[in-house]
């Protein structure tokens, strides 16, 4: 990745992090949009797996700093998602919004599953309800918001020849 593409990706990721901490609290939804995960996937597909894992770790620690009850669970999950997204980019990621929506959905749902298991706060029927109902809804909302963000920010993310 050249310096121009890296700068544009950094700007987009910073914008998504700002949206996560400004717009998301205003919405107050139970199945909220995870702009941090969108930033992670957008950044990770443009990085090598090791750098993407580090980026995921930093974003996860940022999120965990505000949720001390499960400190480290977000960093663990985001590290795995970042590494996986970067590793799979060569095989699956294309400039197709439907495919990006699917991977944003899958990434958010997998993040929630990993986070809930690492957190060890829920068990049994509560865990199943959270994973299959609320996490699925949050993943769908995040995928939709991610597609809208990617469509709006496409001119900024395009590589210029």
N, C-alpha and C. Protein backbone atom coordinates (compact mmCIF):
# COMPACT_ATOMS: atom_id res chain seq x y z
N UNK A 1 0.86 -1.17 0.00
CA UNK A 1 0.00 0.00 0.00
C UNK A 1 0.91 1.23 0.00
N UNK A 2 0.61 2.18 -0.86
CA UNK A 2 1.40 3.40 -0.93
C UNK A 2 0.95 4.38 0.15
N UNK A 3 1.70 5.48 0.28
CA UNK A 3 1.41 6.44 1.35
C UNK A 3 0.05 7.11 1.18
N UNK A 4 -0.35 7.40 -0.04
CA UNK A 4 -1.65 8.02 -0.27
C UNK A 4 -2.80 7.12 0.14
N UNK A 5 -2.70 5.84 -0.23
CA UNK A 5 -3.75 4.88 0.15
C UNK A 5 -3.75 4.67 1.66
N UNK A 6 -2.58 4.62 2.28
CA UNK A 6 -2.51 4.46 3.73
C UNK A 6 -3.11 5.65 4.45
N UNK A 7 -2.86 6.85 3.93
CA UNK A 7 -3.42 8.06 4.54
C UNK A 7 -4.94 8.07 4.41
N UNK A 8 -5.44 7.72 3.23
CA UNK A 8 -6.89 7.70 3.03
C UNK A 8 -7.56 6.65 3.93
N UNK A 9 -6.95 5.48 4.04
CA UNK A 9 -7.49 4.43 4.91
C UNK A 9 -7.48 4.88 6.37
N UNK A 10 -6.42 5.55 6.79
CA UNK A 10 -6.33 6.05 8.16
C UNK A 10 -7.42 7.07 8.44
N UNK A 11 -7.66 7.96 7.49
CA UNK A 11 -8.71 8.98 7.67
C UNK A 11 -10.08 8.31 7.81
N UNK A 12 -10.36 7.32 6.95
CA UNK A 12 -11.64 6.62 7.01
C UNK A 12 -11.80 5.89 8.35
N UNK A 13 -10.74 5.21 8.78
CA UNK A 13 -10.81 4.47 10.06
C UNK A 13 -11.00 5.42 11.24
N UNK A 14 -10.29 6.56 11.23
CA UNK A 14 -10.46 7.54 12.31
C UNK A 14 -11.88 8.11 12.31
N UNK A 15 -12.43 8.37 11.13
CA UNK A 15 -13.81 8.86 11.03
C UNK A 15 -14.79 7.83 11.61
N UNK A 16 -14.58 6.56 11.33
CA UNK A 16 -15.46 5.51 11.86
C UNK A 16 -15.31 5.36 13.37
N UNK A 17 -14.09 5.53 13.90
CA UNK A 17 -13.90 5.48 15.36
C UNK A 17 -14.61 6.66 16.02
N UNK A 18 -14.51 7.83 15.42
CA UNK A 18 -15.22 9.00 15.96
C UNK A 18 -16.73 8.76 15.94
N UNK A 19 -17.25 8.19 14.86
CA UNK A 19 -18.68 7.87 14.80
C UNK A 19 -19.08 6.87 15.88
N UNK A 20 -18.18 5.94 16.19
CA UNK A 20 -18.49 4.93 17.21
C UNK A 20 -18.71 5.59 18.58
N UNK A 21 -17.92 6.59 18.88
CA UNK A 21 -18.02 7.21 20.20
C UNK A 21 -18.90 8.45 20.24
N UNK A 22 -19.38 8.92 19.09
CA UNK A 22 -20.28 10.07 19.08
C UNK A 22 -21.70 9.71 18.66
N UNK A 23 -21.85 9.03 17.54
CA UNK A 23 -23.18 8.71 17.02
C UNK A 23 -23.81 7.51 17.72
N UNK A 24 -23.04 6.47 17.98
CA UNK A 24 -23.58 5.24 18.57
C UNK A 24 -24.25 5.49 19.93
N UNK A 25 -23.66 6.26 20.85
CA UNK A 25 -24.36 6.50 22.12
C UNK A 25 -25.67 7.28 21.96
N UNK A 26 -25.73 8.12 20.94
CA UNK A 26 -26.96 8.88 20.71
C UNK A 26 -28.10 7.99 20.23
N UNK A 27 -27.76 6.93 19.51
CA UNK A 27 -28.79 6.03 19.00
C UNK A 27 -29.40 5.20 20.12
N UNK A 28 -28.57 4.67 21.01
CA UNK A 28 -29.06 3.91 22.17
C UNK A 28 -29.82 2.65 21.82
N UNK A 29 -29.46 1.98 20.73
CA UNK A 29 -30.14 0.76 20.33
C UNK A 29 -29.60 -0.43 21.08
N UNK A 30 -30.45 -1.42 21.30
CA UNK A 30 -29.98 -2.66 21.92
C UNK A 30 -29.07 -3.42 20.96
N UNK A 31 -29.42 -3.41 19.70
CA UNK A 31 -28.59 -4.02 18.66
C UNK A 31 -27.94 -2.87 17.89
N UNK A 32 -26.91 -2.29 18.48
CA UNK A 32 -26.30 -1.08 17.92
C UNK A 32 -25.30 -1.35 16.82
N UNK A 33 -24.98 -0.29 16.12
CA UNK A 33 -23.99 -0.33 15.05
C UNK A 33 -22.60 -0.34 15.69
N UNK A 34 -21.75 -1.23 15.24
CA UNK A 34 -20.38 -1.31 15.75
C UNK A 34 -19.44 -0.69 14.72
N UNK A 35 -19.25 0.63 14.83
CA UNK A 35 -18.38 1.32 13.90
C UNK A 35 -16.92 0.92 14.07
N UNK A 36 -16.54 0.47 15.28
CA UNK A 36 -15.17 0.00 15.48
C UNK A 36 -14.90 -1.24 14.63
N UNK A 37 -15.87 -2.13 14.55
CA UNK A 37 -15.69 -3.33 13.74
C UNK A 37 -15.63 -2.97 12.25
N UNK A 38 -16.44 -2.01 11.83
CA UNK A 38 -16.39 -1.57 10.43
C UNK A 38 -15.01 -0.99 10.14
N UNK A 39 -14.49 -0.16 11.06
CA UNK A 39 -13.15 0.41 10.89
C UNK A 39 -12.10 -0.69 10.84
N UNK A 40 -12.26 -1.70 11.69
CA UNK A 40 -11.31 -2.81 11.70
C UNK A 40 -11.30 -3.56 10.37
N UNK A 41 -12.47 -3.87 9.86
CA UNK A 41 -12.54 -4.62 8.59
C UNK A 41 -12.02 -3.76 7.43
N UNK A 42 -12.40 -2.48 7.40
CA UNK A 42 -11.93 -1.59 6.33
C UNK A 42 -10.41 -1.48 6.38
N UNK A 43 -9.84 -1.35 7.57
CA UNK A 43 -8.39 -1.25 7.69
C UNK A 43 -7.69 -2.57 7.47
N UNK A 44 -8.24 -3.64 8.01
CA UNK A 44 -7.57 -4.95 7.96
C UNK A 44 -7.44 -5.49 6.54
N UNK A 45 -8.41 -5.23 5.70
CA UNK A 45 -8.31 -5.75 4.33
C UNK A 45 -7.25 -5.02 3.51
N UNK A 46 -6.72 -3.95 4.07
CA UNK A 46 -5.68 -3.20 3.38
C UNK A 46 -4.32 -3.35 4.06
N UNK A 47 -4.20 -4.31 4.99
CA UNK A 47 -2.96 -4.53 5.75
C UNK A 47 -2.53 -5.98 5.66
N UNK A 48 -1.31 -6.22 6.08
CA UNK A 48 -0.83 -7.60 6.25
C UNK A 48 -1.46 -8.16 7.52
N UNK A 49 -1.57 -9.49 7.64
CA UNK A 49 -2.23 -10.09 8.80
C UNK A 49 -1.67 -9.67 10.16
N UNK A 50 -0.37 -9.57 10.30
CA UNK A 50 0.22 -9.17 11.58
C UNK A 50 -0.15 -7.75 11.97
N UNK A 51 -0.08 -6.84 11.01
CA UNK A 51 -0.46 -5.45 11.27
C UNK A 51 -1.95 -5.34 11.55
N UNK A 52 -2.75 -6.13 10.84
CA UNK A 52 -4.20 -6.11 11.07
C UNK A 52 -4.54 -6.64 12.46
N UNK A 53 -3.82 -7.67 12.90
CA UNK A 53 -4.03 -8.19 14.26
C UNK A 53 -3.67 -7.13 15.29
N UNK A 54 -2.58 -6.42 15.08
CA UNK A 54 -2.18 -5.35 15.99
C UNK A 54 -3.21 -4.22 15.98
N UNK A 55 -3.71 -3.87 14.80
CA UNK A 55 -4.76 -2.86 14.69
C UNK A 55 -6.01 -3.29 15.45
N UNK A 56 -6.39 -4.55 15.30
CA UNK A 56 -7.53 -5.08 16.03
C UNK A 56 -7.31 -5.06 17.53
N UNK A 57 -6.10 -5.39 17.96
CA UNK A 57 -5.77 -5.35 19.38
C UNK A 57 -5.90 -3.93 19.94
N UNK A 58 -5.39 -2.94 19.20
CA UNK A 58 -5.48 -1.54 19.65
C UNK A 58 -6.93 -1.09 19.71
N UNK A 59 -7.72 -1.41 18.68
CA UNK A 59 -9.14 -1.04 18.72
C UNK A 59 -9.87 -1.75 19.85
N UNK A 60 -9.53 -3.02 20.08
CA UNK A 60 -10.16 -3.77 21.17
C UNK A 60 -9.80 -3.21 22.53
N UNK A 61 -8.54 -2.82 22.71
CA UNK A 61 -8.15 -2.21 23.99
C UNK A 61 -8.82 -0.86 24.19
N UNK A 62 -9.02 -0.13 23.10
CA UNK A 62 -9.74 1.14 23.17
C UNK A 62 -11.17 0.90 23.66
N UNK A 63 -11.82 -0.10 23.11
CA UNK A 63 -13.19 -0.42 23.54
C UNK A 63 -13.21 -0.96 24.96
N UNK A 64 -12.22 -1.78 25.30
CA UNK A 64 -12.17 -2.38 26.64
C UNK A 64 -11.87 -1.36 27.72
N UNK A 65 -11.23 -0.27 27.38
CA UNK A 65 -10.91 0.75 28.37
C UNK A 65 -12.18 1.35 28.98
N UNK A 66 -13.28 1.27 28.25
CA UNK A 66 -14.55 1.80 28.74
C UNK A 66 -15.44 0.73 29.35
N UNK A 67 -15.07 -0.54 29.21
CA UNK A 67 -15.87 -1.65 29.73
C UNK A 67 -14.97 -2.53 30.59
N UNK A 68 -14.73 -2.10 31.80
CA UNK A 68 -13.76 -2.78 32.66
C UNK A 68 -14.24 -4.13 33.18
N UNK A 69 -15.52 -4.43 33.06
CA UNK A 69 -16.02 -5.70 33.57
C UNK A 69 -15.50 -6.89 32.77
N UNK A 70 -15.18 -6.68 31.51
CA UNK A 70 -14.67 -7.76 30.65
C UNK A 70 -13.40 -7.31 29.96
N UNK A 71 -12.49 -6.72 30.71
CA UNK A 71 -11.27 -6.16 30.14
C UNK A 71 -10.47 -7.24 29.44
N UNK A 72 -10.15 -7.02 28.18
CA UNK A 72 -9.38 -7.96 27.40
C UNK A 72 -10.20 -8.79 26.43
N UNK A 73 -11.49 -8.95 26.70
CA UNK A 73 -12.34 -9.76 25.82
C UNK A 73 -12.49 -9.10 24.45
N UNK A 74 -12.66 -7.79 24.42
CA UNK A 74 -12.78 -7.09 23.15
C UNK A 74 -11.48 -7.10 22.38
N UNK A 75 -10.36 -6.95 23.08
CA UNK A 75 -9.06 -6.98 22.42
C UNK A 75 -8.80 -8.36 21.82
N UNK A 76 -9.14 -9.39 22.56
CA UNK A 76 -8.99 -10.76 22.06
C UNK A 76 -9.81 -10.98 20.80
N UNK A 77 -11.09 -10.61 20.85
CA UNK A 77 -11.98 -10.82 19.71
C UNK A 77 -11.58 -9.97 18.50
N UNK A 78 -11.24 -8.71 18.73
CA UNK A 78 -10.86 -7.84 17.60
C UNK A 78 -9.55 -8.28 16.98
N UNK A 79 -8.62 -8.80 17.78
CA UNK A 79 -7.36 -9.30 17.23
C UNK A 79 -7.62 -10.45 16.27
N UNK A 80 -8.48 -11.37 16.68
CA UNK A 80 -8.80 -12.52 15.82
C UNK A 80 -9.54 -12.07 14.57
N UNK A 81 -10.49 -11.15 14.71
CA UNK A 81 -11.24 -10.66 13.55
C UNK A 81 -10.31 -9.92 12.59
N UNK A 82 -9.43 -9.07 13.11
CA UNK A 82 -8.50 -8.33 12.25
C UNK A 82 -7.57 -9.26 11.48
N UNK A 83 -7.00 -10.23 12.18
CA UNK A 83 -6.12 -11.19 11.51
C UNK A 83 -6.88 -11.97 10.45
N UNK A 84 -8.07 -12.45 10.80
CA UNK A 84 -8.86 -13.25 9.87
C UNK A 84 -9.28 -12.45 8.64
N UNK A 85 -9.71 -11.21 8.84
CA UNK A 85 -10.14 -10.38 7.71
C UNK A 85 -8.97 -10.12 6.76
N UNK A 86 -7.80 -9.86 7.32
CA UNK A 86 -6.63 -9.61 6.48
C UNK A 86 -6.20 -10.87 5.74
N UNK A 87 -6.24 -11.97 6.41
CA UNK A 87 -5.82 -13.24 5.80
C UNK A 87 -6.78 -13.68 4.70
N UNK A 88 -8.07 -13.45 4.91
CA UNK A 88 -9.07 -13.87 3.93
C UNK A 88 -9.26 -12.89 2.77
N UNK A 89 -8.66 -11.70 2.86
CA UNK A 89 -8.90 -10.70 1.82
C UNK A 89 -8.47 -11.15 0.44
N UNK A 90 -7.39 -11.89 0.38
CA UNK A 90 -6.89 -12.33 -0.92
C UNK A 90 -7.84 -13.32 -1.58
N UNK A 91 -8.57 -14.06 -0.78
CA UNK A 91 -9.46 -15.09 -1.32
C UNK A 91 -10.85 -14.53 -1.61
N UNK A 92 -11.40 -13.75 -0.67
CA UNK A 92 -12.80 -13.38 -0.75
C UNK A 92 -13.09 -11.91 -1.03
N UNK A 93 -12.34 -11.01 -0.45
CA UNK A 93 -12.72 -9.60 -0.52
C UNK A 93 -12.51 -9.05 -1.91
N UNK A 94 -13.55 -8.49 -2.42
CA UNK A 94 -13.52 -7.81 -3.70
C UNK A 94 -14.19 -6.46 -3.50
N UNK A 95 -14.30 -5.71 -4.54
CA UNK A 95 -14.97 -4.42 -4.44
C UNK A 95 -16.46 -4.60 -4.71
N UNK A 96 -17.06 -5.52 -3.98
CA UNK A 96 -18.46 -5.86 -4.14
C UNK A 96 -19.17 -5.56 -2.82
N UNK A 97 -20.15 -4.69 -2.84
CA UNK A 97 -20.82 -4.29 -1.61
C UNK A 97 -21.56 -5.44 -0.93
N UNK A 98 -22.16 -6.32 -1.72
CA UNK A 98 -22.88 -7.46 -1.12
C UNK A 98 -21.91 -8.39 -0.39
N UNK A 99 -20.77 -8.64 -0.98
CA UNK A 99 -19.76 -9.49 -0.34
C UNK A 99 -19.20 -8.81 0.90
N UNK A 100 -18.98 -7.51 0.83
CA UNK A 100 -18.52 -6.78 2.01
C UNK A 100 -19.58 -6.81 3.11
N UNK A 101 -20.85 -6.70 2.76
CA UNK A 101 -21.92 -6.78 3.75
C UNK A 101 -21.93 -8.14 4.44
N UNK A 102 -21.74 -9.19 3.67
CA UNK A 102 -21.71 -10.53 4.25
C UNK A 102 -20.56 -10.67 5.24
N UNK A 103 -19.37 -10.19 4.86
CA UNK A 103 -18.23 -10.31 5.76
C UNK A 103 -18.32 -9.37 6.96
N UNK A 104 -18.94 -8.22 6.80
CA UNK A 104 -19.19 -7.37 7.97
C UNK A 104 -20.16 -8.06 8.93
N UNK A 105 -21.21 -8.67 8.39
CA UNK A 105 -22.16 -9.41 9.21
C UNK A 105 -21.44 -10.54 9.94
N UNK A 106 -20.68 -11.32 9.20
CA UNK A 106 -19.97 -12.46 9.79
C UNK A 106 -18.94 -12.00 10.82
N UNK A 107 -18.23 -10.92 10.52
CA UNK A 107 -17.23 -10.40 11.45
C UNK A 107 -17.85 -9.91 12.74
N UNK A 108 -18.95 -9.18 12.65
CA UNK A 108 -19.61 -8.67 13.86
C UNK A 108 -20.19 -9.82 14.67
N UNK A 109 -20.81 -10.77 14.01
CA UNK A 109 -21.40 -11.89 14.74
C UNK A 109 -20.31 -12.72 15.42
N UNK A 110 -19.22 -12.98 14.70
CA UNK A 110 -18.11 -13.73 15.29
C UNK A 110 -17.47 -12.95 16.44
N UNK A 111 -17.35 -11.64 16.29
CA UNK A 111 -16.84 -10.81 17.38
C UNK A 111 -17.70 -10.97 18.63
N UNK A 112 -19.02 -10.87 18.46
CA UNK A 112 -19.91 -11.01 19.61
C UNK A 112 -19.80 -12.38 20.25
N UNK A 113 -19.72 -13.42 19.44
CA UNK A 113 -19.58 -14.78 19.99
C UNK A 113 -18.29 -14.91 20.79
N UNK A 114 -17.17 -14.46 20.20
CA UNK A 114 -15.89 -14.54 20.91
C UNK A 114 -15.90 -13.69 22.18
N UNK A 115 -16.48 -12.51 22.10
CA UNK A 115 -16.54 -11.61 23.25
C UNK A 115 -17.37 -12.22 24.38
N UNK A 116 -18.54 -12.76 24.04
CA UNK A 116 -19.41 -13.34 25.06
C UNK A 116 -18.80 -14.57 25.70
N UNK A 117 -18.11 -15.37 24.92
CA UNK A 117 -17.45 -16.56 25.50
C UNK A 117 -16.29 -16.14 26.39
N UNK A 118 -15.49 -15.17 25.94
CA UNK A 118 -14.36 -14.72 26.75
C UNK A 118 -14.82 -13.98 28.00
N UNK A 119 -15.93 -13.29 27.91
CA UNK A 119 -16.46 -12.52 29.03
C UNK A 119 -16.97 -13.43 30.15
N UNK A 120 -17.55 -14.55 29.80
CA UNK A 120 -18.10 -15.54 30.74
C UNK A 120 -19.13 -14.96 31.71
N UNK A 121 -19.94 -14.03 31.23
CA UNK A 121 -20.99 -13.44 32.06
C UNK A 121 -22.32 -14.16 31.86
N UNK A 122 -22.57 -14.63 30.64
CA UNK A 122 -23.83 -15.30 30.32
C UNK A 122 -23.59 -16.79 30.13
N UNK A 123 -24.64 -17.56 30.38
CA UNK A 123 -24.56 -19.01 30.17
C UNK A 123 -25.94 -19.53 29.81
N UNK A 124 -25.96 -20.69 29.19
CA UNK A 124 -27.23 -21.37 28.90
C UNK A 124 -28.11 -20.62 27.94
N UNK A 125 -29.38 -20.50 28.34
CA UNK A 125 -30.39 -19.87 27.48
C UNK A 125 -30.11 -18.39 27.25
N UNK A 126 -29.56 -17.70 28.26
CA UNK A 126 -29.23 -16.28 28.09
C UNK A 126 -28.16 -16.10 27.01
N UNK A 127 -27.16 -16.96 27.04
CA UNK A 127 -26.09 -16.89 26.04
C UNK A 127 -26.64 -17.20 24.64
N UNK A 128 -27.48 -18.22 24.53
CA UNK A 128 -28.07 -18.57 23.25
C UNK A 128 -28.94 -17.43 22.71
N UNK A 129 -29.72 -16.80 23.58
CA UNK A 129 -30.57 -15.68 23.16
C UNK A 129 -29.71 -14.50 22.69
N UNK A 130 -28.66 -14.22 23.43
CA UNK A 130 -27.77 -13.13 23.04
C UNK A 130 -27.08 -13.41 21.71
N UNK A 131 -26.58 -14.62 21.54
CA UNK A 131 -25.83 -14.97 20.32
C UNK A 131 -26.74 -15.04 19.10
N UNK A 132 -27.87 -15.71 19.23
CA UNK A 132 -28.68 -15.96 18.05
C UNK A 132 -29.71 -14.88 17.75
N UNK A 133 -30.09 -14.08 18.73
CA UNK A 133 -31.07 -13.02 18.47
C UNK A 133 -30.38 -11.66 18.41
N UNK A 134 -29.85 -11.21 19.56
CA UNK A 134 -29.32 -9.85 19.64
C UNK A 134 -28.04 -9.66 18.85
N UNK A 135 -27.16 -10.64 18.89
CA UNK A 135 -25.92 -10.53 18.11
C UNK A 135 -26.20 -10.59 16.62
N UNK A 136 -27.16 -11.40 16.22
CA UNK A 136 -27.53 -11.45 14.80
C UNK A 136 -28.12 -10.14 14.33
N UNK A 137 -28.97 -9.53 15.16
CA UNK A 137 -29.55 -8.23 14.81
C UNK A 137 -28.47 -7.15 14.76
N UNK A 138 -27.57 -7.15 15.73
CA UNK A 138 -26.48 -6.17 15.74
C UNK A 138 -25.58 -6.37 14.53
N UNK A 139 -25.35 -7.60 14.15
CA UNK A 139 -24.52 -7.88 12.97
C UNK A 139 -25.21 -7.38 11.70
N UNK A 140 -26.52 -7.56 11.61
CA UNK A 140 -27.25 -7.08 10.43
C UNK A 140 -27.23 -5.56 10.35
N UNK A 141 -27.43 -4.89 11.47
CA UNK A 141 -27.41 -3.43 11.49
C UNK A 141 -26.00 -2.92 11.17
N UNK A 142 -24.99 -3.57 11.72
CA UNK A 142 -23.60 -3.18 11.44
C UNK A 142 -23.26 -3.39 9.97
N UNK A 143 -23.70 -4.50 9.39
CA UNK A 143 -23.45 -4.75 7.97
C UNK A 143 -24.12 -3.70 7.10
N UNK A 144 -25.35 -3.35 7.44
CA UNK A 144 -26.06 -2.32 6.68
C UNK A 144 -25.36 -0.98 6.79
N UNK A 145 -24.97 -0.60 8.00
CA UNK A 145 -24.25 0.67 8.20
C UNK A 145 -22.90 0.63 7.50
N UNK A 146 -22.24 -0.51 7.52
CA UNK A 146 -20.96 -0.64 6.84
C UNK A 146 -21.07 -0.48 5.34
N UNK A 147 -22.12 -1.05 4.76
CA UNK A 147 -22.33 -0.91 3.32
C UNK A 147 -22.62 0.54 2.96
N UNK A 148 -23.42 1.21 3.78
CA UNK A 148 -23.70 2.63 3.53
C UNK A 148 -22.41 3.44 3.65
N UNK A 149 -21.62 3.16 4.69
CA UNK A 149 -20.35 3.88 4.87
C UNK A 149 -19.40 3.62 3.72
N UNK A 150 -19.28 2.36 3.30
CA UNK A 150 -18.40 2.04 2.17
C UNK A 150 -18.87 2.69 0.87
N UNK A 151 -20.18 2.75 0.68
CA UNK A 151 -20.71 3.39 -0.53
C UNK A 151 -20.43 4.89 -0.51
N UNK A 152 -20.59 5.51 0.65
CA UNK A 152 -20.34 6.95 0.75
C UNK A 152 -18.86 7.29 0.68
N UNK A 153 -18.03 6.42 1.24
CA UNK A 153 -16.59 6.69 1.31
C UNK A 153 -15.80 6.04 0.18
N UNK A 154 -16.48 5.43 -0.77
CA UNK A 154 -15.80 4.75 -1.88
C UNK A 154 -14.84 5.67 -2.63
N UNK A 155 -15.22 6.92 -2.93
CA UNK A 155 -14.26 7.79 -3.63
C UNK A 155 -12.96 8.00 -2.84
N UNK A 156 -13.06 8.04 -1.53
CA UNK A 156 -11.88 8.24 -0.70
C UNK A 156 -11.02 6.99 -0.63
N UNK A 157 -11.65 5.82 -0.66
CA UNK A 157 -10.92 4.55 -0.53
C UNK A 157 -10.37 4.02 -1.85
N UNK A 158 -10.83 4.53 -2.97
CA UNK A 158 -10.37 4.04 -4.27
C UNK A 158 -8.89 4.32 -4.45
N UNK A 159 -8.22 3.35 -5.05
CA UNK A 159 -6.81 3.56 -5.37
C UNK A 159 -6.73 4.34 -6.68
N UNK A 160 -5.94 5.36 -6.66
CA UNK A 160 -5.81 6.20 -7.84
C UNK A 160 -4.57 5.78 -8.60
N UNK A 161 -4.74 5.54 -9.89
CA UNK A 161 -3.60 5.09 -10.70
C UNK A 161 -2.85 6.25 -11.28
